[in-house]
Amino acid sequence: MIEIKVALYQACVEYVEERINRAKENIQAAQEASNSETKSSAGDKYETARAMAQLEKEKALGQLNESAKLKKALELIHPDKPMEQAELGSLVITSAGNFYLSIGAGKLQHEGQIYFALSPASPLGQQIIGKKAGDQYSINGKKVSIKAIY
């Protein structure tokens, strides 16, 4: 199971790196758009285009900051560490699915199996955190059993 955790961890790292690269590209594109706008006799058009480019840049900077936080969260995980209870870095096998408590990266696949990268701060993550194999939790009125934790 350690190899699965390492593979899921790597998939999360790649997810964050992609987000960082995309945000940097968007910042660069917004900066270029802002710089390429030339002052014309239609001053309002020029100012509107510059303002929109600035808004796009600020949005991309926000995405870059969020991605940096995700990267820091991943740095706290040691995927080769075995776990007895659900915590950051745990692989939790339940009757309702397989969850990797890490960051909210969504659906991941490894060797034909589906896993969900889930933030411990998410509502479902909060239900799972601290639980051990054999414990149960309830989600939307449905009882879910924890089969194993790695």
Protein backbone atom coordinates (compact mmCIF):
# COMPACT_ATOMS: atom_id res chain seq x y z
CA MET A 1 0.00 0.00 0.00
CA ILE A 2 2.95 2.31 0.49
CA GLU A 3 3.56 2.26 -3.29
CA ILE A 4 -0.04 3.38 -3.86
CA LYS A 5 0.35 6.21 -1.35
CA VAL A 6 3.57 7.31 -3.04
CA ALA A 7 1.87 7.24 -6.46
CA LEU A 8 -1.13 9.23 -5.15
CA TYR A 9 1.20 11.70 -3.47
CA GLN A 10 3.07 12.16 -6.75
CA ALA A 11 -0.22 12.70 -8.60
CA CYS A 12 -1.12 15.42 -6.10
CA VAL A 13 2.30 17.06 -6.55
CA GLU A 14 1.79 17.05 -10.34
CA TYR A 15 -1.71 18.51 -9.88
CA VAL A 16 -0.29 21.39 -7.82
CA GLU A 17 2.63 21.98 -10.20
CA GLU A 18 0.18 22.17 -13.12
CA ARG A 19 -1.92 24.73 -11.22
CA ILE A 20 1.19 26.79 -10.44
CA ASN A 21 2.36 26.72 -14.07
CA ARG A 22 -1.11 27.65 -15.34
CA ALA A 23 -1.33 30.57 -12.89
CA LYS A 24 2.12 31.83 -13.91
CA GLU A 25 1.16 31.62 -17.59
CA ASN A 26 -2.04 33.56 -16.88
CA ILE A 27 -0.10 36.24 -14.98
CA GLN A 28 2.32 36.57 -17.90
CA ALA A 29 -0.52 36.74 -20.44
CA ALA A 30 -2.36 39.39 -18.42
CA GLN A 31 0.84 41.43 -18.08
CA GLU A 32 1.48 41.19 -21.82
CA ALA A 33 -2.12 42.19 -22.58
CA SER A 34 -1.79 45.18 -20.29
CA ASN A 35 1.53 46.22 -21.82
CA SER A 36 0.36 45.79 -25.42
CA GLU A 37 -2.64 48.06 -25.08
CA THR A 38 -1.74 51.31 -26.77
CA LYS A 39 -3.21 54.62 -25.83
CA SER A 40 -5.73 55.63 -28.45
CA SER A 41 -8.10 58.51 -28.89
CA ALA A 42 -10.70 56.28 -27.28
CA GLY A 43 -9.17 56.68 -23.81
CA ASP A 44 -11.98 54.83 -22.08
CA LYS A 45 -11.38 51.74 -24.20
CA TYR A 46 -7.70 51.81 -23.28
CA GLU A 47 -8.42 52.19 -19.57
CA THR A 48 -11.06 49.43 -19.65
CA ALA A 49 -8.68 47.01 -21.36
CA ARG A 50 -5.91 47.79 -18.84
CA ALA A 51 -8.33 47.38 -15.91
CA MET A 52 -9.54 44.04 -17.23
CA ALA A 53 -5.95 42.86 -17.69
CA GLN A 54 -5.19 43.96 -14.12
CA LEU A 55 -8.21 42.01 -12.82
CA GLU A 56 -7.07 38.91 -14.70
CA LYS A 57 -3.59 39.30 -13.24
CA GLU A 58 -4.99 39.64 -9.69
CA LYS A 59 -7.15 36.55 -10.21
CA ALA A 60 -4.14 34.56 -11.41
CA LEU A 61 -2.07 35.79 -8.46
CA GLY A 62 -4.81 34.54 -6.14
CA GLN A 63 -4.70 31.15 -7.86
CA LEU A 64 -0.92 31.10 -7.54
CA ASN A 65 -1.16 31.85 -3.81
CA GLU A 66 -3.74 29.08 -3.31
CA SER A 67 -1.54 26.64 -5.20
CA ALA A 68 1.44 27.62 -3.04
CA LYS A 69 -0.65 26.78 0.06
CA LEU A 70 -1.50 23.37 -1.44
CA LYS A 71 2.18 22.77 -2.11
CA LYS A 72 3.01 23.60 1.52
CA ALA A 73 0.31 21.17 2.70
CA LEU A 74 1.85 18.44 0.55
CA GLU A 75 5.26 19.11 2.07
CA LEU A 76 3.81 18.01 5.44
CA ILE A 77 2.96 14.56 4.06
CA HIS A 78 5.31 11.58 4.30
CA PRO A 79 3.73 9.03 1.94
CA ASP A 80 5.96 6.19 3.12
CA LYS A 81 4.77 6.53 6.73
CA PRO A 82 2.32 3.82 7.85
CA MET A 83 -0.73 5.13 9.72
CA GLU A 84 -3.09 3.66 12.27
CA GLN A 85 -5.71 6.39 12.14
CA ALA A 86 -6.96 8.78 9.48
CA GLU A 87 -4.79 11.88 9.30
CA LEU A 88 -3.00 13.99 6.71
CA GLY A 89 -1.29 11.55 4.34
CA SER A 90 -3.55 8.58 5.13
CA LEU A 91 -5.01 6.26 2.55
CA VAL A 92 -8.49 5.41 3.85
CA ILE A 93 -10.36 2.48 2.33
CA THR A 94 -14.10 2.66 3.08
CA SER A 95 -17.30 0.96 2.04
CA ALA A 96 -18.08 4.13 0.05
CA GLY A 97 -14.76 4.60 -1.73
CA ASN A 98 -11.02 5.09 -1.34
CA PHE A 99 -9.75 8.40 -0.01
CA TYR A 100 -6.29 9.90 0.15
CA LEU A 101 -6.27 12.60 2.84
CA SER A 102 -4.03 15.24 1.33
CA ILE A 103 -5.36 18.12 -0.76
CA GLY A 104 -8.60 18.56 -2.65
CA ALA A 105 -7.29 17.30 -5.99
CA GLY A 106 -10.36 15.23 -6.82
CA LYS A 107 -10.47 11.89 -8.60
CA LEU A 108 -7.18 10.05 -9.14
CA GLN A 109 -6.56 6.68 -10.74
CA HIS A 110 -3.83 4.19 -9.99
CA GLU A 111 -3.64 0.75 -11.58
CA GLY A 112 -7.33 0.78 -12.47
CA GLN A 113 -8.50 1.79 -8.99
CA ILE A 114 -10.17 5.09 -8.25
CA TYR A 115 -9.08 7.21 -5.29
CA PHE A 116 -10.25 10.63 -4.22
CA ALA A 117 -7.65 13.13 -3.02
CA LEU A 118 -9.49 14.82 -0.21
CA SER A 119 -8.59 17.73 2.04
CA PRO A 120 -8.86 16.96 5.76
CA ALA A 121 -10.55 20.36 6.10
CA SER A 122 -13.40 19.36 3.75
CA PRO A 123 -16.70 18.21 5.28
CA LEU A 124 -16.01 14.58 4.36
CA GLY A 125 -12.41 14.89 5.51
CA GLN A 126 -13.66 16.15 8.86
CA GLN A 127 -15.87 13.05 9.14
CA ILE A 128 -12.94 10.74 8.45
CA ILE A 129 -10.12 12.41 10.37
CA GLY A 130 -9.14 10.60 13.57
CA LYS A 131 -11.05 7.42 12.68
CA LYS A 132 -9.49 3.95 12.71
CA ALA A 133 -10.16 0.76 10.76
CA GLY A 134 -13.50 -0.65 11.90
CA ASP A 135 -14.94 2.77 12.78
CA GLN A 136 -17.98 4.19 11.06
CA TYR A 137 -19.12 7.64 10.09
CA SER A 138 -22.33 8.96 8.63
CA ILE A 139 -22.64 11.02 5.49
CA ASN A 140 -26.01 12.18 4.16
CA GLY A 141 -27.71 9.76 6.55
CA LYS A 142 -25.78 6.80 5.19
CA LYS A 143 -23.46 4.75 7.43
CA VAL A 144 -20.00 4.20 5.99
CA SER A 145 -17.48 1.69 7.39
CA ILE A 146 -13.75 2.22 7.36
CA LYS A 147 -12.20 -1.00 6.14
CA ALA A 148 -8.51 -0.09 6.39
CA ILE A 149 -6.12 2.80 6.87
CA TYR A 150 -2.60 2.93 5.47
